[in-house]
C-alpha atoms as a PDB file:
ATOM      1  CA  MET A   1      87.685  -2.400 -17.754  1.00  0.00           C
ATOM      2  CA  LYS A   2      91.102  -1.265 -17.180  1.00  0.00           C
ATOM      3  CA  GLY A   3      92.906   1.236 -19.448  1.00  0.00           C
ATOM      4  CA  ASN A   4      89.303   2.793 -21.166  1.00  0.00           C
ATOM      5  CA  GLY A   5      89.314   5.653 -18.517  1.00  0.00           C
ATOM      6  CA  SER A   6      86.434   4.158 -16.672  1.00  0.00           C
ATOM      7  CA  ILE A   7      86.365   4.982 -12.091  1.00  0.00           C
ATOM      8  CA  SER A   8      85.651   2.153 -10.425  1.00  0.00           C
ATOM      9  CA  GLY A   9      83.397   2.568  -7.368  1.00  0.00           C
ATOM     10  CA  LYS A  10      85.823   2.194  -4.964  1.00  0.00           C
ATOM     11  CA  ASP A  11      87.776   5.013  -6.261  1.00  0.00           C
ATOM     12  CA  MET A  12      84.381   7.229  -5.703  1.00  0.00           C
ATOM     13  CA  ILE A  13      84.555   6.514  -1.760  1.00  0.00           C
ATOM     14  CA  PHE A  14      85.709   8.701   0.388  1.00  0.00           C
ATOM     15  CA  ARG A  15      85.489   9.430   4.408  1.00  0.00           C
ATOM     16  CA  ALA A  16      82.724  12.402   5.153  1.00  0.00           C
ATOM     17  CA  ASP A  17      84.483  13.815   7.927  1.00  0.00           C
ATOM     18  CA  GLN A  18      87.184  14.305   5.688  1.00  0.00           C
ATOM     19  CA  ILE A  19      85.567  16.840   3.521  1.00  0.00           C
ATOM     20  CA  ASP A  20      86.102  20.536   4.478  1.00  0.00           C
ATOM     21  CA  LEU A  21      82.784  21.743   4.321  1.00  0.00           C
ATOM     22  CA  LYS A  22      83.747  24.896   5.837  1.00  0.00           C
ATOM     23  CA  SER A  23      85.908  25.596   2.846  1.00  0.00           C
ATOM     24  CA  LEU A  24      83.117  24.670   0.562  1.00  0.00           C
ATOM     25  CA  ASP A  25      80.622  27.162   2.094  1.00  0.00           C
ATOM     26  CA  MET A  26      83.268  29.750   1.729  1.00  0.00           C
ATOM     27  CA  GLN A  27      83.894  28.998  -1.820  1.00  0.00           C
ATOM     28  CA  LEU A  28      80.090  28.990  -2.720  1.00  0.00           C
ATOM     29  CA  GLU A  29      79.728  32.329  -0.746  1.00  0.00           C
ATOM     30  CA  LYS A  30      82.427  33.926  -2.656  1.00  0.00           C
ATOM     31  CA  HIS A  31      80.903  32.618  -5.980  1.00  0.00           C
ATOM     32  CA  LEU A  32      77.221  33.755  -5.185  1.00  0.00           C
ATOM     33  CA  SER A  33      78.666  37.195  -3.820  1.00  0.00           C
ATOM     34  CA  ARG A  34      80.314  38.006  -7.603  1.00  0.00           C
ATOM     35  CA  VAL A  35      76.755  36.970  -8.753  1.00  0.00           C
ATOM     36  CA  TRP A  36      74.821  39.284  -6.287  1.00  0.00           C
ATOM     37  CA  SER A  37      76.982  42.115  -6.644  1.00  0.00           C
ATOM     38  CA  ARG A  38      76.803  42.289 -10.234  1.00  0.00           C
ATOM     39  CA  ASN A  39      73.156  42.279 -10.066  1.00  0.00           C
ATOM     40  CA  ILE A  40      73.520  44.823  -7.497  1.00  0.00           C
ATOM     41  CA  GLU A  41      75.483  47.252  -9.519  1.00  0.00           C
ATOM     42  CA  LYS A  42      73.307  47.253 -12.022  1.00  0.00           C
ATOM     43  CA  GLN A  43      70.501  48.309  -9.922  1.00  0.00           C
ATOM     44  CA  ARG A  44      71.793  51.237  -7.532  1.00  0.00           C
ATOM     45  CA  PRO A  45      74.907  52.638  -7.179  1.00  0.00           C
ATOM     46  CA  ALA A  46      77.403  51.345  -4.462  1.00  0.00           C
ATOM     47  CA  GLU A  47      77.227  53.453  -1.033  1.00  0.00           C
ATOM     48  CA  GLU A  48      80.560  54.831   0.234  1.00  0.00           C
ATOM     49  CA  TRP A  49      81.030  51.910   2.913  1.00  0.00           C
ATOM     50  CA  GLU A  50      80.041  49.066   0.731  1.00  0.00           C
ATOM     51  CA  ILE A  51      83.036  47.168  -0.724  1.00  0.00           C
ATOM     52  CA  ASP A  52      83.035  44.854  -3.684  1.00  0.00           C
ATOM     53  CA  LEU A  53      82.700  40.913  -2.456  1.00  0.00           C
ATOM     54  CA  ALA A  54      84.303  39.506  -5.472  1.00  0.00           C
ATOM     55  CA  LYS A  55      87.760  41.118  -4.360  1.00  0.00           C
ATOM     56  CA  LEU A  56      87.306  39.487  -0.967  1.00  0.00           C
ATOM     57  CA  ASP A  57      89.156  36.161  -0.161  1.00  0.00           C
ATOM     58  CA  LEU A  58      88.462  34.900   3.220  1.00  0.00           C
ATOM     59  CA  ARG A  59      91.094  32.584   4.415  1.00  0.00           C
ATOM     60  CA  ASN A  60      91.188  30.990   8.265  1.00  0.00           C
ATOM     61  CA  VAL A  61      89.447  31.498  11.350  1.00  0.00           C
ATOM     62  CA  ILE A  62      90.963  33.927  13.532  1.00  0.00           C
ATOM     63  CA  ALA A  63      88.515  33.892  16.437  1.00  0.00           C
ATOM     64  CA  HIS A  64      85.225  32.714  17.181  1.00  0.00           C
ATOM     65  CA  GLY A  65      82.669  35.432  19.332  1.00  0.00           C
ATOM     66  CA  THR A  66      78.724  36.065  20.230  1.00  0.00           C
ATOM     67  CA  TYR A  67      78.629  37.671  17.213  1.00  0.00           C
ATOM     68  CA  GLY A  68      80.448  35.936  14.797  1.00  0.00           C
ATOM     69  CA  THR A  69      83.267  34.525  13.472  1.00  0.00           C
ATOM     70  CA  VAL A  70      86.576  36.585  12.488  1.00  0.00           C
ATOM     71  CA  TYR A  71      88.608  35.765   9.439  1.00  0.00           C
ATOM     72  CA  ARG A  72      92.178  36.236   7.966  1.00  0.00           C
ATOM     73  CA  ALA A  73      91.134  37.686   4.245  1.00  0.00           C
ATOM     74  CA  THR A  74      92.869  39.991   1.543  1.00  0.00           C
ATOM     75  CA  TYR A  75      90.678  42.463   0.099  1.00  0.00           C
ATOM     76  CA  ASP A  76      92.171  44.119  -3.015  1.00  0.00           C
ATOM     77  CA  ASN A  77      95.381  42.165  -2.104  1.00  0.00           C
ATOM     78  CA  GLN A  78      95.730  43.979   0.880  1.00  0.00           C
ATOM     79  CA  ASP A  79      95.197  42.131   4.367  1.00  0.00           C
ATOM     80  CA  VAL A  80      91.994  42.689   6.315  1.00  0.00           C
ATOM     81  CA  ALA A  81      90.393  40.712   9.064  1.00  0.00           C
ATOM     82  CA  GLY A  82      86.660  39.874   7.502  1.00  0.00           C
ATOM     83  CA  CYS A  83      83.493  38.711   9.834  1.00  0.00           C
ATOM     84  CA  CYS A  84      80.525  36.675   9.265  1.00  0.00           C
END
């Protein structure tokens, strides 16, 4: 079946230890945050201390601690530290 654009079973096999699950989780959280923040904005006004999670882009881990993980991030094109 060469030449007709089909993908063989061999092409669909990959190693599970090479999947970056943290990156996928962060992408999913970012997407869900955008959806949730849209719904919240419609329900009530934002508090002074709240941020728009759609503008937050978590990058790489800086440190792990007892109370969470600190990430290097950008918020509205500024370097920040994010905690989750």
